[in-house]
Amino acid sequence: MALSEAARQTLDPATRSYIEELEDGQQQWQQRYEILEQRYDVLEERHRLLLFKRFARSSEQEPAGQQQLFAEAEETAEVVEPDETESTKVTVPAHERKKAGRKAIDPRHPRIEVLYDIDNEEKQCGCGDELVRIGEETREIVQVIPEQMWVERHVYPKYGCHSCEGSGDEDRPAVRIAPREATILPRSIASTALVAFILVNKFVDHLPFYRQEKRFARIGIDISRQDMSNWAITVARAIKPLIERLVLMIRGGPFMQMDETPLQVLNEPGRANTTKSYMWIARGGPPQAPIVVYHYSPTRGSDYPRSLLADFEGYLQADAYRVYRMLAEEIGFILVGCWAHARRKFHEAAQASKKAGAAQEGMKHIRRLYEIERKLRGEDLSPEEFVDKRREKVLPVLDEFSAWLKKKEKTVVPSSLLGKAVSYTLNEWDTLSRYLDRAEISPDNNAAEQSVRPFVVGRRNWLFSGAPRGAEASCAIYSLIETAKHNGLDPFAYLNYVFQKAPSIHDAEGWDELLPNRLDEATLTAALPTALK
């Protein structure tokens, strides 16, 4: 208990000095204790977060019914208890109930009918009359023939003249043969369909070349993983002009999204095999026909995004990586933030902190933004009407959220997960609010992150690229496959068509005809091998 000033004056100077030293020491130890307690809380949060990331589900979706657990007190204070004499009404949102049972098999698949009929003797009734067919029962099962391959033997007859024994001129040679068509893989046993099949197996179904080698061996086809790798590099080099057209279309659009993910590439000049490289993803182009382009870069520096974004004057949506902000100031495009990244930080704080209420409160504000977005997207509005209505509904929510963040910033520990979430959101507030400017911009960068996912899943299977040219080939093939998928085309049919047409194209207009938004399924199907139609 601290001494009063009057009691201090009754003590001799030596005793007063001794007591003051004790009080100063106590204050210092109290401050040190508070600092250590904060550090302990931060480390405990980080430990919980690591456990959560290691063992909990990766989805950030909140369990049903959990969103309202941390609602503000004023929201629940106005609740009126129902009259005991009246029945409580429960309103259930309208919904469509799915029909129970197995999903019907696609009617486009061919059907072969197998009839199971009774014997003729059993078609005789006990009264003597013949039984009449009054109906039938059916069931459908899916049959499969394991992968079948066949060899097309291309024959070029030679014609010569026995009379003159080869005395022809240059315009009319004595020995004549049909010209060979240009192919994307000259002097190779691979057809365009086989190459497309192999690439779809790897880049869509994530089946590495060495596994495909074993599958081919089981059906008696000898195709080595080295051959498959060389084919992939060759066709990627041949379609480079088409990739350049995709890049031009992305750069010419009003809106672009970007993201990047690590990649291990072996045999990079001057670098160890354990050095981290990067795969960059850019998504943009016409809103009705989105384009996705992948690019391999040895570093995460600004070289590639600077070359891609040169002269870009639209909106770029990305995470808070400092390179994007630097390039926005340098080039002049408008940088848009990602609310999913901000929400993720509050979600991590809610999972790792003992007191999750504040983090849940931050998530609640962000959830309101997504609810408004979802409702407005469901309405039939013109782009101008959508922007005006979204601003009208979202701005009050943002003002309320901003006030809450500034209040929290003064009370939370900056190094805690909640403190980092609050700081991140406030630092990125200007970019996070810019999605309100245009109708085609969504609150988050999830579309680009979803384009990253096929690559990340594949990386878990094939682990690394054996050389830089292999990584570059993978980027080109991923670009075609993912762009085809975004435009509703079958990747196998699209690759087969592109590989067939590419050798005969020599100008930009020809490459434009191979863009996914210029093609339809009927055109692609007509180019498939006969046995696959």
Protein backbone atom coordinates (compact mmCIF):
# COMPACT_ATOMS: atom_id res chain seq x y z
CA MET A 1 0.00 0.00 0.00
CA ALA A 2 1.47 3.39 -1.03
CA LEU A 3 2.29 5.85 1.76
CA SER A 4 0.51 9.18 1.87
CA GLU A 5 2.53 12.36 1.48
CA ALA A 6 1.96 13.28 5.13
CA ALA A 7 3.30 9.91 6.27
CA ARG A 8 6.34 10.32 4.05
CA GLN A 9 7.22 13.61 5.70
CA THR A 10 7.46 11.92 9.11
CA LEU A 11 10.19 9.58 7.85
CA ASP A 12 13.86 10.38 7.89
CA PRO A 13 15.47 11.20 4.50
CA ALA A 14 17.28 7.86 4.19
CA THR A 15 14.06 5.88 4.71
CA ARG A 16 12.13 8.06 2.22
CA SER A 17 14.85 7.56 -0.37
CA TYR A 18 14.80 3.81 0.20
CA ILE A 19 10.99 3.65 -0.22
CA GLU A 20 11.13 5.72 -3.40
CA GLU A 21 13.72 3.36 -4.87
CA LEU A 22 11.47 0.41 -4.03
CA GLU A 23 8.49 2.07 -5.69
CA ASP A 24 10.52 2.91 -8.81
CA GLY A 25 11.73 -0.67 -8.98
CA GLN A 26 8.21 -1.98 -8.54
CA GLN A 27 6.98 0.25 -11.37
CA GLN A 28 9.75 -0.92 -13.68
CA TRP A 29 9.03 -4.55 -12.91
CA GLN A 30 5.31 -3.96 -13.48
CA GLN A 31 6.04 -2.43 -16.89
CA ARG A 32 8.35 -5.30 -17.74
CA TYR A 33 5.66 -7.80 -16.67
CA GLU A 34 3.08 -6.14 -18.91
CA ILE A 35 5.48 -6.22 -21.87
CA LEU A 36 6.28 -9.89 -21.30
CA GLU A 37 2.59 -10.69 -20.89
CA GLN A 38 1.87 -9.05 -24.26
CA ARG A 39 4.71 -11.01 -25.87
CA TYR A 40 3.38 -14.22 -24.36
CA ASP A 41 -0.12 -13.52 -25.69
CA VAL A 42 1.30 -12.80 -29.16
CA LEU A 43 3.37 -16.00 -29.17
CA GLU A 44 0.41 -18.00 -27.93
CA GLU A 45 -1.68 -16.58 -30.76
CA ARG A 46 0.96 -17.54 -33.29
CA HIS A 47 1.14 -21.04 -31.83
CA ARG A 48 -2.63 -21.45 -32.09
CA LEU A 49 -2.55 -20.10 -35.64
CA LEU A 50 0.12 -22.63 -36.67
CA LEU A 51 -1.93 -25.45 -35.13
CA PHE A 52 -5.02 -24.17 -36.92
CA LYS A 53 -3.27 -24.03 -40.30
CA ARG A 54 -1.73 -27.46 -39.76
CA PHE A 55 -4.74 -29.42 -38.53
CA ALA A 56 -7.94 -27.44 -39.14
CA ARG A 57 -9.83 -27.27 -42.40
CA SER A 58 -8.51 -24.69 -44.84
CA SER A 59 -11.92 -23.25 -45.73
CA GLU A 60 -12.60 -19.83 -44.24
CA GLN A 61 -16.36 -20.32 -44.37
CA GLU A 62 -18.00 -19.91 -41.00
CA PRO A 63 -20.07 -22.85 -39.70
CA ALA A 64 -23.81 -22.39 -40.06
CA GLY A 65 -25.27 -20.37 -37.23
CA GLN A 66 -21.90 -19.08 -35.99
CA GLN A 67 -22.07 -15.72 -37.72
CA GLN A 68 -24.50 -14.26 -35.18
CA LEU A 69 -22.72 -15.44 -32.02
CA PHE A 70 -20.78 -12.18 -31.72
CA ALA A 71 -23.48 -9.72 -32.79
CA GLU A 72 -23.44 -6.34 -31.12
CA ALA A 73 -25.40 -5.88 -27.92
CA GLU A 74 -27.56 -3.17 -29.47
CA GLU A 75 -28.69 -5.61 -32.13
CA THR A 76 -30.08 -8.00 -29.54
CA ALA A 77 -31.36 -5.35 -27.11
CA GLU A 78 -34.41 -4.61 -29.24
CA VAL A 79 -35.58 -8.22 -29.43
CA VAL A 80 -39.25 -8.49 -28.37
CA GLU A 81 -40.42 -11.72 -26.78
CA PRO A 82 -43.39 -13.26 -28.62
CA ASP A 83 -46.81 -13.18 -26.99
CA GLU A 84 -47.44 -16.48 -25.28
CA THR A 85 -51.04 -16.45 -26.51
CA GLU A 86 -50.05 -16.19 -30.14
CA SER A 87 -48.28 -18.80 -32.21
CA THR A 88 -44.72 -17.89 -33.12
CA LYS A 89 -44.27 -17.44 -36.85
CA VAL A 90 -41.18 -18.84 -38.52
CA THR A 91 -40.36 -17.60 -42.01
CA VAL A 92 -38.38 -19.97 -44.19
CA PRO A 93 -36.69 -18.43 -47.26
CA ALA A 94 -37.98 -19.76 -50.55
CA HIS A 95 -35.84 -22.47 -52.04
CA GLU A 96 -35.94 -25.25 -54.57
CA ARG A 97 -35.75 -28.78 -53.28
CA LYS A 98 -33.59 -31.09 -55.37
CA LYS A 99 -35.19 -34.27 -56.51
CA ALA A 100 -33.95 -37.25 -54.55
CA GLY A 101 -32.06 -39.99 -56.34
CA ARG A 102 -29.10 -40.40 -58.63
CA LYS A 103 -28.34 -37.71 -61.17
CA ALA A 104 -29.36 -38.70 -64.70
CA ILE A 105 -26.58 -39.72 -67.07
CA ASP A 106 -25.87 -37.12 -69.73
CA PRO A 107 -28.18 -37.85 -72.72
CA ARG A 108 -25.41 -36.92 -75.17
CA HIS A 109 -23.65 -40.21 -74.47
CA PRO A 110 -24.54 -42.97 -76.96
CA ARG A 111 -26.89 -45.70 -75.75
CA ILE A 112 -26.77 -49.41 -76.53
CA GLU A 113 -29.94 -51.26 -75.59
CA VAL A 114 -29.66 -54.71 -74.01
CA LEU A 115 -33.01 -56.54 -73.93
CA TYR A 116 -33.87 -59.06 -71.22
CA ASP A 117 -37.06 -60.78 -72.40
CA ILE A 118 -38.92 -63.75 -71.01
CA ASP A 119 -39.24 -67.00 -72.95
CA ASN A 120 -42.06 -67.42 -75.45
CA GLU A 121 -43.61 -70.13 -73.28
CA GLU A 122 -43.95 -67.65 -70.43
CA LYS A 123 -45.79 -65.20 -72.67
CA GLN A 124 -48.83 -67.51 -72.58
CA CYS A 125 -51.42 -66.65 -69.93
CA GLY A 126 -53.10 -69.33 -67.81
CA CYS A 127 -56.44 -68.54 -69.52
CA GLY A 128 -54.96 -69.38 -72.90
CA ASP A 129 -54.54 -65.85 -74.29
CA GLU A 130 -51.16 -64.45 -75.29
CA LEU A 131 -49.63 -61.85 -72.97
CA VAL A 132 -49.40 -58.29 -74.31
CA ARG A 133 -46.46 -55.98 -73.57
CA ILE A 134 -47.88 -53.28 -71.30
CA GLY A 135 -44.72 -51.44 -70.29
CA GLU A 136 -41.13 -51.88 -69.28
CA GLU A 137 -38.63 -51.28 -66.53
CA THR A 138 -35.24 -49.85 -67.35
CA ARG A 139 -31.94 -49.19 -65.65
CA GLU A 140 -28.84 -47.52 -67.03
CA ILE A 141 -25.27 -48.47 -66.23
CA VAL A 142 -22.09 -46.84 -67.53
CA GLN A 143 -19.74 -49.09 -69.46
CA VAL A 144 -16.13 -48.28 -70.25
CA ILE A 145 -13.46 -49.50 -72.62
CA PRO A 146 -9.95 -48.87 -71.26
CA GLU A 147 -7.93 -46.31 -73.19
CA GLN A 148 -7.67 -47.48 -76.76
CA MET A 149 -5.13 -46.15 -79.22
CA TRP A 150 -4.67 -46.94 -82.84
CA VAL A 151 -2.04 -46.17 -85.46
CA GLU A 152 -2.95 -44.08 -88.48
CA ARG A 153 -0.78 -45.21 -91.37
CA HIS A 154 -0.44 -42.21 -93.69
CA VAL A 155 0.30 -43.47 -97.19
CA TYR A 156 1.70 -41.23 -99.97
CA PRO A 157 1.66 -43.14 -103.30
CA LYS A 158 4.44 -42.30 -105.76
CA TYR A 159 3.70 -42.04 -109.47
CA GLY A 160 6.22 -42.28 -112.29
CA CYS A 161 6.30 -42.82 -116.08
CA HIS A 162 7.70 -46.03 -117.54
CA SER A 163 7.91 -44.56 -121.04
CA CYS A 164 10.31 -41.64 -120.50
CA GLU A 165 12.10 -43.15 -117.49
CA GLY A 166 12.13 -39.90 -115.52
CA SER A 167 12.84 -37.34 -118.26
CA GLY A 168 10.52 -34.73 -116.77
CA ASP A 169 11.01 -31.00 -116.34
CA GLU A 170 10.92 -28.89 -113.18
CA ASP A 171 7.26 -27.94 -113.61
CA ARG A 172 6.16 -31.51 -114.27
CA PRO A 173 8.49 -33.90 -112.39
CA ALA A 174 8.56 -37.48 -113.55
CA VAL A 175 7.99 -38.87 -110.06
CA ARG A 176 5.03 -37.29 -108.33
CA ILE A 177 3.71 -37.62 -104.77
CA ALA A 178 1.12 -35.79 -102.71
CA PRO A 179 2.61 -33.00 -100.56
CA ARG A 180 2.83 -33.66 -96.85
CA GLU A 181 0.71 -31.46 -94.64
CA ALA A 182 2.41 -29.20 -92.12
CA THR A 183 2.38 -30.59 -88.60
CA ILE A 184 3.22 -29.08 -85.24
CA LEU A 185 5.55 -32.01 -84.48
CA PRO A 186 7.44 -32.87 -87.70
CA ARG A 187 8.91 -36.39 -87.90
CA SER A 188 7.10 -37.41 -84.72
CA ILE A 189 4.77 -40.34 -84.06
CA ALA A 190 2.46 -38.09 -82.00
CA SER A 191 -0.81 -36.85 -83.44
CA THR A 192 -2.30 -33.57 -82.28
CA ALA A 193 -4.94 -35.54 -80.37
CA LEU A 194 -2.29 -37.59 -78.56
CA VAL A 195 -0.35 -34.47 -77.56
CA ALA A 196 -3.55 -32.77 -76.38
CA PHE A 197 -4.47 -35.92 -74.44
CA ILE A 198 -1.08 -36.03 -72.70
CA LEU A 199 -1.15 -32.33 -71.82
CA VAL A 200 -4.71 -32.46 -70.47
CA ASN A 201 -3.71 -35.45 -68.35
CA LYS A 202 -0.92 -33.42 -66.79
CA PHE A 203 -2.26 -29.89 -66.60
CA VAL A 204 -5.95 -30.62 -65.93
CA ASP A 205 -5.87 -34.01 -64.19
CA HIS A 206 -2.42 -33.42 -62.60
CA LEU A 207 -0.91 -36.69 -63.87
CA PRO A 208 2.89 -36.38 -64.18
CA PHE A 209 4.64 -37.64 -67.29
CA TYR A 210 6.26 -40.58 -65.48
CA ARG A 211 2.84 -41.89 -64.44
CA GLN A 212 1.50 -41.48 -67.95
CA GLU A 213 4.51 -43.41 -69.21
CA LYS A 214 3.42 -46.36 -67.06
CA ARG A 215 -0.20 -46.10 -68.21
CA PHE A 216 0.84 -46.16 -71.87
CA ALA A 217 3.07 -49.17 -71.18
CA ARG A 218 0.08 -51.12 -69.82
CA ILE A 219 -1.71 -50.81 -73.16
CA GLY A 220 1.37 -51.60 -75.20
CA ILE A 221 2.39 -48.09 -76.28
CA ASP A 222 6.02 -47.09 -75.72
CA ILE A 223 6.11 -43.34 -75.01
CA SER A 224 8.82 -42.11 -72.69
CA ARG A 225 8.51 -39.20 -70.32
CA GLN A 226 11.38 -37.53 -72.21
CA ASP A 227 9.33 -37.67 -75.43
CA MET A 228 6.31 -36.16 -73.67
CA SER A 229 8.42 -33.39 -72.20
CA ASN A 230 10.02 -32.58 -75.57
CA TRP A 231 6.59 -32.53 -77.25
CA ALA A 232 5.26 -30.12 -74.63
CA ILE A 233 8.21 -27.75 -75.12
CA THR A 234 7.92 -27.92 -78.92
CA VAL A 235 4.20 -27.18 -79.10
CA ALA A 236 4.56 -24.40 -76.50
CA ARG A 237 7.19 -22.77 -78.70
CA ALA A 238 4.92 -23.11 -81.74
CA ILE A 239 1.94 -21.40 -80.07
CA LYS A 240 3.96 -18.49 -78.68
CA PRO A 241 2.28 -15.98 -81.06
CA LEU A 242 -1.12 -17.06 -79.70
CA ILE A 243 0.04 -16.46 -76.12
CA GLU A 244 1.23 -13.01 -77.19
CA ARG A 245 -2.25 -12.28 -78.55
CA LEU A 246 -3.74 -13.28 -75.20
CA VAL A 247 -1.37 -10.92 -73.41
CA LEU A 248 -2.36 -8.04 -75.71
CA MET A 249 -6.04 -8.69 -75.03
CA ILE A 250 -5.47 -8.66 -71.27
CA ARG A 251 -3.45 -5.47 -71.46
CA GLY A 252 -6.11 -3.82 -73.60
CA GLY A 253 -8.97 -4.57 -71.22
CA PRO A 254 -10.37 -2.19 -68.59
CA PHE A 255 -9.71 -4.48 -65.64
CA MET A 256 -7.00 -6.96 -64.67
CA GLN A 257 -6.28 -9.21 -61.70
CA MET A 258 -2.85 -10.56 -60.74
CA ASP A 259 -1.36 -13.00 -58.28
CA GLU A 260 1.80 -15.10 -57.92
CA THR A 261 2.83 -18.38 -56.32
CA PRO A 262 6.19 -20.08 -55.66
CA LEU A 263 7.63 -22.61 -58.09
CA GLN A 264 10.77 -24.73 -57.91
CA VAL A 265 12.73 -24.84 -61.16
CA LEU A 266 15.87 -26.93 -61.54
CA ASN A 267 18.95 -26.08 -63.62
CA GLU A 268 18.43 -22.32 -63.61
CA PRO A 269 21.68 -20.60 -64.70
CA GLY A 270 23.63 -19.30 -61.73
CA ARG A 271 21.07 -20.44 -59.15
CA ALA A 272 20.84 -23.38 -56.77
CA ASN A 273 18.11 -25.94 -57.38
CA THR A 274 16.58 -25.08 -54.01
CA THR A 275 16.14 -21.41 -54.94
CA LYS A 276 12.53 -20.28 -55.09
CA SER A 277 11.13 -19.10 -58.43
CA TYR A 278 7.64 -17.79 -59.18
CA MET A 279 4.65 -18.37 -61.42
CA TRP A 280 2.71 -15.17 -62.15
CA ILE A 281 -0.97 -15.20 -63.10
CA ALA A 282 -2.82 -12.40 -64.89
CA ARG A 283 -6.57 -12.51 -65.53
CA GLY A 284 -8.45 -9.96 -67.60
CA GLY A 285 -9.54 -9.15 -71.12
CA PRO A 286 -13.16 -8.75 -72.21
CA PRO A 287 -15.50 -9.33 -69.23
CA GLN A 288 -17.65 -11.70 -71.31
CA ALA A 289 -14.62 -13.71 -72.49
CA PRO A 290 -12.00 -13.72 -69.69
CA ILE A 291 -8.40 -14.61 -70.42
CA VAL A 292 -5.82 -16.12 -68.06
CA VAL A 293 -2.09 -15.89 -68.77
CA TYR A 294 0.68 -17.59 -66.77
CA HIS A 295 4.31 -16.50 -66.75
CA TYR A 296 7.43 -18.01 -65.20
CA SER A 297 9.95 -15.69 -63.57
CA PRO A 298 13.07 -16.59 -61.56
CA THR A 299 12.25 -13.88 -59.01
CA ARG A 300 9.34 -12.08 -57.41
CA GLY A 301 10.75 -8.73 -58.44
CA SER A 302 9.07 -6.06 -60.53
CA ASP A 303 10.52 -7.01 -63.93
CA TYR A 304 7.65 -9.15 -65.21
CA PRO A 305 4.71 -7.14 -63.82
CA ARG A 306 6.35 -3.97 -65.14
CA SER A 307 6.59 -5.47 -68.64
CA LEU A 308 3.02 -6.77 -68.52
CA LEU A 309 1.50 -3.58 -67.12
CA ALA A 310 3.44 -1.19 -69.37
CA ASP A 311 1.00 1.42 -70.75
CA PHE A 312 -1.89 -0.23 -68.87
CA GLU A 313 -4.41 2.46 -67.91
CA GLY A 314 -7.19 0.43 -66.32
CA TYR A 315 -7.80 -1.08 -62.90
CA LEU A 316 -5.51 -3.72 -61.42
CA GLN A 317 -6.78 -5.79 -58.49
CA ALA A 318 -4.17 -7.59 -56.42
CA ASP A 319 -2.99 -8.20 -52.88
CA ALA A 320 -0.94 -5.71 -50.85
CA TYR A 321 2.42 -6.74 -52.35
CA ARG A 322 4.44 -3.52 -52.46
CA VAL A 323 5.51 -4.02 -56.10
CA TYR A 324 1.95 -3.40 -57.32
CA ARG A 325 1.70 -0.12 -55.41
CA MET A 326 5.10 1.00 -56.71
CA LEU A 327 4.14 0.21 -60.32
CA ALA A 328 0.78 1.96 -59.94
CA GLU A 329 2.62 5.17 -59.07
CA GLU A 330 5.18 4.59 -61.82
CA ILE A 331 2.86 3.61 -64.69
CA GLY A 332 -0.39 5.28 -63.71
CA PHE A 333 -2.95 2.47 -63.51
CA ILE A 334 -5.45 2.33 -60.62
CA LEU A 335 -4.74 -0.24 -57.90
CA VAL A 336 -7.67 -2.05 -56.28
CA GLY A 337 -7.36 -3.98 -53.02
CA CYS A 338 -8.75 -7.38 -52.06
CA TRP A 339 -11.30 -7.72 -49.25
CA ALA A 340 -10.66 -11.47 -49.07
CA HIS A 341 -7.13 -10.79 -47.83
CA ALA A 342 -8.41 -8.38 -45.18
CA ARG A 343 -11.06 -10.84 -44.07
CA ARG A 344 -8.50 -13.65 -43.92
CA LYS A 345 -6.50 -11.74 -41.33
CA PHE A 346 -9.56 -11.24 -39.14
CA HIS A 347 -10.43 -14.92 -39.61
CA GLU A 348 -6.97 -15.99 -38.44
CA ALA A 349 -7.28 -13.71 -35.42
CA ALA A 350 -10.67 -15.21 -34.60
CA GLN A 351 -9.27 -18.74 -34.77
CA ALA A 352 -6.10 -18.10 -32.75
CA SER A 353 -7.13 -15.54 -30.14
CA LYS A 354 -8.73 -16.34 -26.80
CA LYS A 355 -11.04 -13.36 -27.27
CA ALA A 356 -12.45 -13.84 -30.74
CA GLY A 357 -15.33 -11.39 -30.39
CA ALA A 358 -13.52 -8.38 -31.80
CA ALA A 359 -12.18 -10.34 -34.77
CA GLN A 360 -15.65 -11.71 -35.43
CA GLU A 361 -16.94 -8.16 -35.29
CA GLY A 362 -14.53 -7.16 -38.05
CA MET A 363 -15.62 -10.14 -40.13
CA LYS A 364 -19.24 -9.13 -39.65
CA HIS A 365 -18.63 -5.75 -41.28
CA ILE A 366 -16.91 -7.40 -44.26
CA ARG A 367 -19.70 -9.96 -44.51
CA ARG A 368 -22.20 -7.13 -44.92
CA LEU A 369 -20.24 -5.90 -47.96
CA TYR A 370 -20.48 -9.34 -49.58
CA GLU A 371 -24.20 -9.63 -48.80
CA ILE A 372 -24.86 -6.34 -50.57
CA GLU A 373 -22.71 -7.47 -53.52
CA ARG A 374 -24.52 -10.79 -53.80
CA LYS A 375 -28.00 -9.22 -53.74
CA LEU A 376 -27.15 -6.57 -56.31
CA ARG A 377 -25.53 -9.12 -58.65
CA GLY A 378 -28.83 -10.99 -58.62
CA GLU A 379 -30.73 -7.96 -59.89
CA ASP A 380 -31.09 -7.04 -63.54
CA LEU A 381 -29.21 -3.72 -63.51
CA SER A 382 -27.20 -1.86 -66.10
CA PRO A 383 -23.54 -1.21 -65.19
CA GLU A 384 -24.32 2.42 -64.35
CA GLU A 385 -27.31 1.49 -62.20
CA PHE A 386 -25.29 -1.20 -60.45
CA VAL A 387 -22.46 1.20 -59.56
CA ASP A 388 -24.86 3.85 -58.24
CA LYS A 389 -26.89 1.41 -56.18
CA ARG A 390 -23.79 -0.31 -54.80
CA ARG A 391 -22.32 3.01 -53.69
CA GLU A 392 -25.57 3.96 -52.03
CA LYS A 393 -25.67 0.78 -49.96
CA VAL A 394 -21.97 0.15 -49.34
CA LEU A 395 -20.68 3.59 -48.34
CA PRO A 396 -22.59 3.69 -45.01
CA VAL A 397 -21.20 0.25 -44.16
CA LEU A 398 -17.67 1.37 -44.98
CA ASP A 399 -18.05 4.51 -42.86
CA GLU A 400 -19.21 2.44 -39.90
CA PHE A 401 -16.40 -0.09 -40.40
CA SER A 402 -13.78 2.66 -40.69
CA ALA A 403 -14.89 4.23 -37.41
CA TRP A 404 -14.74 0.83 -35.70
CA LEU A 405 -11.23 0.17 -37.03
CA LYS A 406 -9.88 3.54 -35.88
CA LYS A 407 -11.33 2.96 -32.42
CA LYS A 408 -9.83 -0.55 -32.23
CA GLU A 409 -6.45 0.66 -33.42
CA LYS A 410 -6.04 2.60 -30.18
CA THR A 411 -6.75 -0.38 -27.91
CA VAL A 412 -5.27 -3.50 -29.52
CA VAL A 413 -1.66 -4.65 -29.32
CA PRO A 414 -0.13 -3.84 -32.75
CA SER A 415 1.84 -7.11 -32.89
CA SER A 416 -1.22 -9.27 -32.13
CA LEU A 417 -3.15 -10.93 -34.95
CA LEU A 418 -6.09 -8.62 -34.43
CA GLY A 419 -3.76 -5.62 -34.37
CA LYS A 420 -2.23 -6.72 -37.67
CA ALA A 421 -5.69 -7.24 -39.20
CA VAL A 422 -6.79 -3.75 -38.13
CA SER A 423 -3.54 -2.17 -39.33
CA TYR A 424 -3.67 -3.98 -42.69
CA THR A 425 -7.24 -2.90 -43.37
CA LEU A 426 -6.60 0.74 -42.45
CA ASN A 427 -3.37 0.90 -44.48
CA GLU A 428 -5.14 -0.54 -47.55
CA TRP A 429 -8.41 1.35 -47.04
CA ASP A 430 -8.10 3.51 -50.17
CA THR A 431 -7.43 0.55 -52.46
CA LEU A 432 -10.05 -1.62 -50.74
CA SER A 433 -12.73 1.00 -51.45
CA ARG A 434 -11.96 1.36 -55.17
CA TYR A 435 -13.96 -1.69 -56.22
CA LEU A 436 -16.97 0.62 -56.05
CA ASP A 437 -15.82 2.48 -59.18
CA ARG A 438 -16.75 -0.08 -61.84
CA ALA A 439 -19.37 -2.80 -62.15
CA GLU A 440 -16.99 -5.47 -63.43
CA ILE A 441 -14.76 -5.21 -60.34
CA SER A 442 -15.61 -7.57 -57.50
CA PRO A 443 -14.70 -6.99 -53.83
CA ASP A 444 -11.86 -9.51 -53.96
CA ASN A 445 -9.16 -11.08 -56.09
CA ASN A 446 -10.59 -14.58 -55.73
CA ALA A 447 -10.96 -15.12 -59.48
CA ALA A 448 -7.19 -14.84 -59.91
CA GLU A 449 -6.57 -17.03 -56.87
CA GLN A 450 -8.90 -19.66 -58.33
CA SER A 451 -6.76 -19.61 -61.47
CA VAL A 452 -3.74 -20.26 -59.26
CA ARG A 453 -5.38 -23.35 -57.73
CA PRO A 454 -5.01 -25.73 -60.75
CA PHE A 455 -1.30 -24.98 -60.82
CA VAL A 456 -0.92 -25.45 -57.06
CA VAL A 457 -2.75 -28.79 -57.14
CA GLY A 458 -0.61 -29.94 -60.05
CA ARG A 459 2.54 -28.82 -58.26
CA ARG A 460 1.77 -31.23 -55.43
CA ASN A 461 2.04 -34.07 -57.94
CA TRP A 462 4.91 -33.13 -60.23
CA LEU A 463 6.72 -31.05 -57.54
CA PHE A 464 9.02 -29.01 -59.80
CA SER A 465 10.01 -28.13 -63.36
CA GLY A 466 13.19 -29.74 -64.63
CA ALA A 467 14.45 -26.65 -66.47
CA PRO A 468 13.45 -23.04 -67.25
CA ARG A 469 12.22 -23.97 -70.73
CA GLY A 470 9.97 -26.60 -69.15
CA ALA A 471 8.52 -23.98 -66.80
CA GLU A 472 7.92 -21.65 -69.75
CA ALA A 473 6.19 -24.42 -71.68
CA SER A 474 3.99 -25.16 -68.67
CA CYS A 475 2.97 -21.50 -68.53
CA ALA A 476 1.94 -21.47 -72.19
CA ILE A 477 -0.10 -24.65 -71.89
CA TYR A 478 -1.74 -23.57 -68.63
CA SER A 479 -2.68 -20.29 -70.34
CA LEU A 480 -4.50 -22.05 -73.17
CA ILE A 481 -6.21 -24.63 -70.96
CA GLU A 482 -7.46 -22.22 -68.30
CA THR A 483 -8.59 -19.64 -70.86
CA ALA A 484 -10.49 -22.37 -72.73
CA LYS A 485 -12.18 -23.44 -69.48
CA HIS A 486 -13.14 -19.83 -68.67
CA ASN A 487 -14.78 -19.58 -72.10
CA GLY A 488 -16.75 -22.81 -71.74
CA LEU A 489 -14.62 -24.91 -74.12
CA ASP A 490 -13.38 -28.45 -73.60
CA PRO A 491 -9.59 -28.16 -73.06
CA PHE A 492 -8.79 -31.36 -74.97
CA ALA A 493 -10.81 -30.36 -78.04
CA TYR A 494 -9.40 -26.83 -77.95
CA LEU A 495 -5.76 -27.91 -77.73
CA ASN A 496 -6.27 -30.44 -80.52
CA TYR A 497 -7.77 -27.74 -82.76
CA VAL A 498 -5.02 -25.22 -82.00
CA PHE A 499 -2.28 -27.78 -82.65
CA GLN A 500 -3.87 -28.70 -85.99
CA LYS A 501 -4.19 -25.12 -87.23
CA ALA A 502 -1.01 -23.56 -85.80
CA PRO A 503 1.49 -24.85 -88.43
CA SER A 504 -0.42 -23.16 -91.28
CA ILE A 505 -0.78 -19.72 -89.64
CA HIS A 506 1.62 -16.96 -90.62
CA ASP A 507 -0.08 -13.68 -89.62
CA ALA A 508 -1.76 -12.04 -86.64
CA GLU A 509 -5.25 -12.40 -88.13
CA GLY A 510 -4.81 -16.15 -88.31
CA TRP A 511 -3.83 -16.36 -84.66
CA ASP A 512 -6.83 -14.23 -83.73
CA GLU A 513 -9.07 -16.92 -85.23
CA LEU A 514 -7.71 -19.37 -82.63
CA LEU A 515 -8.74 -17.22 -79.65
CA PRO A 516 -11.24 -19.10 -77.47
CA ASN A 517 -13.94 -16.45 -77.84
CA ARG A 518 -13.86 -16.99 -81.63
CA LEU A 519 -14.58 -20.73 -81.41
CA ASP A 520 -17.46 -22.97 -80.40
CA GLU A 521 -17.85 -26.61 -79.43
CA ALA A 522 -19.19 -27.64 -82.85
CA THR A 523 -16.05 -26.38 -84.61
CA LEU A 524 -13.78 -28.11 -82.11
CA THR A 525 -15.71 -31.38 -82.25
CA ALA A 526 -15.50 -31.47 -86.05
CA ALA A 527 -11.69 -31.43 -85.78
CA LEU A 528 -11.49 -34.48 -83.46
CA PRO A 529 -10.36 -37.87 -84.78
CA THR A 530 -13.22 -39.80 -86.32
CA ALA A 531 -13.37 -42.49 -83.66
CA LEU A 532 -13.79 -39.84 -80.94
CA LYS A 533 -16.71 -37.95 -82.48
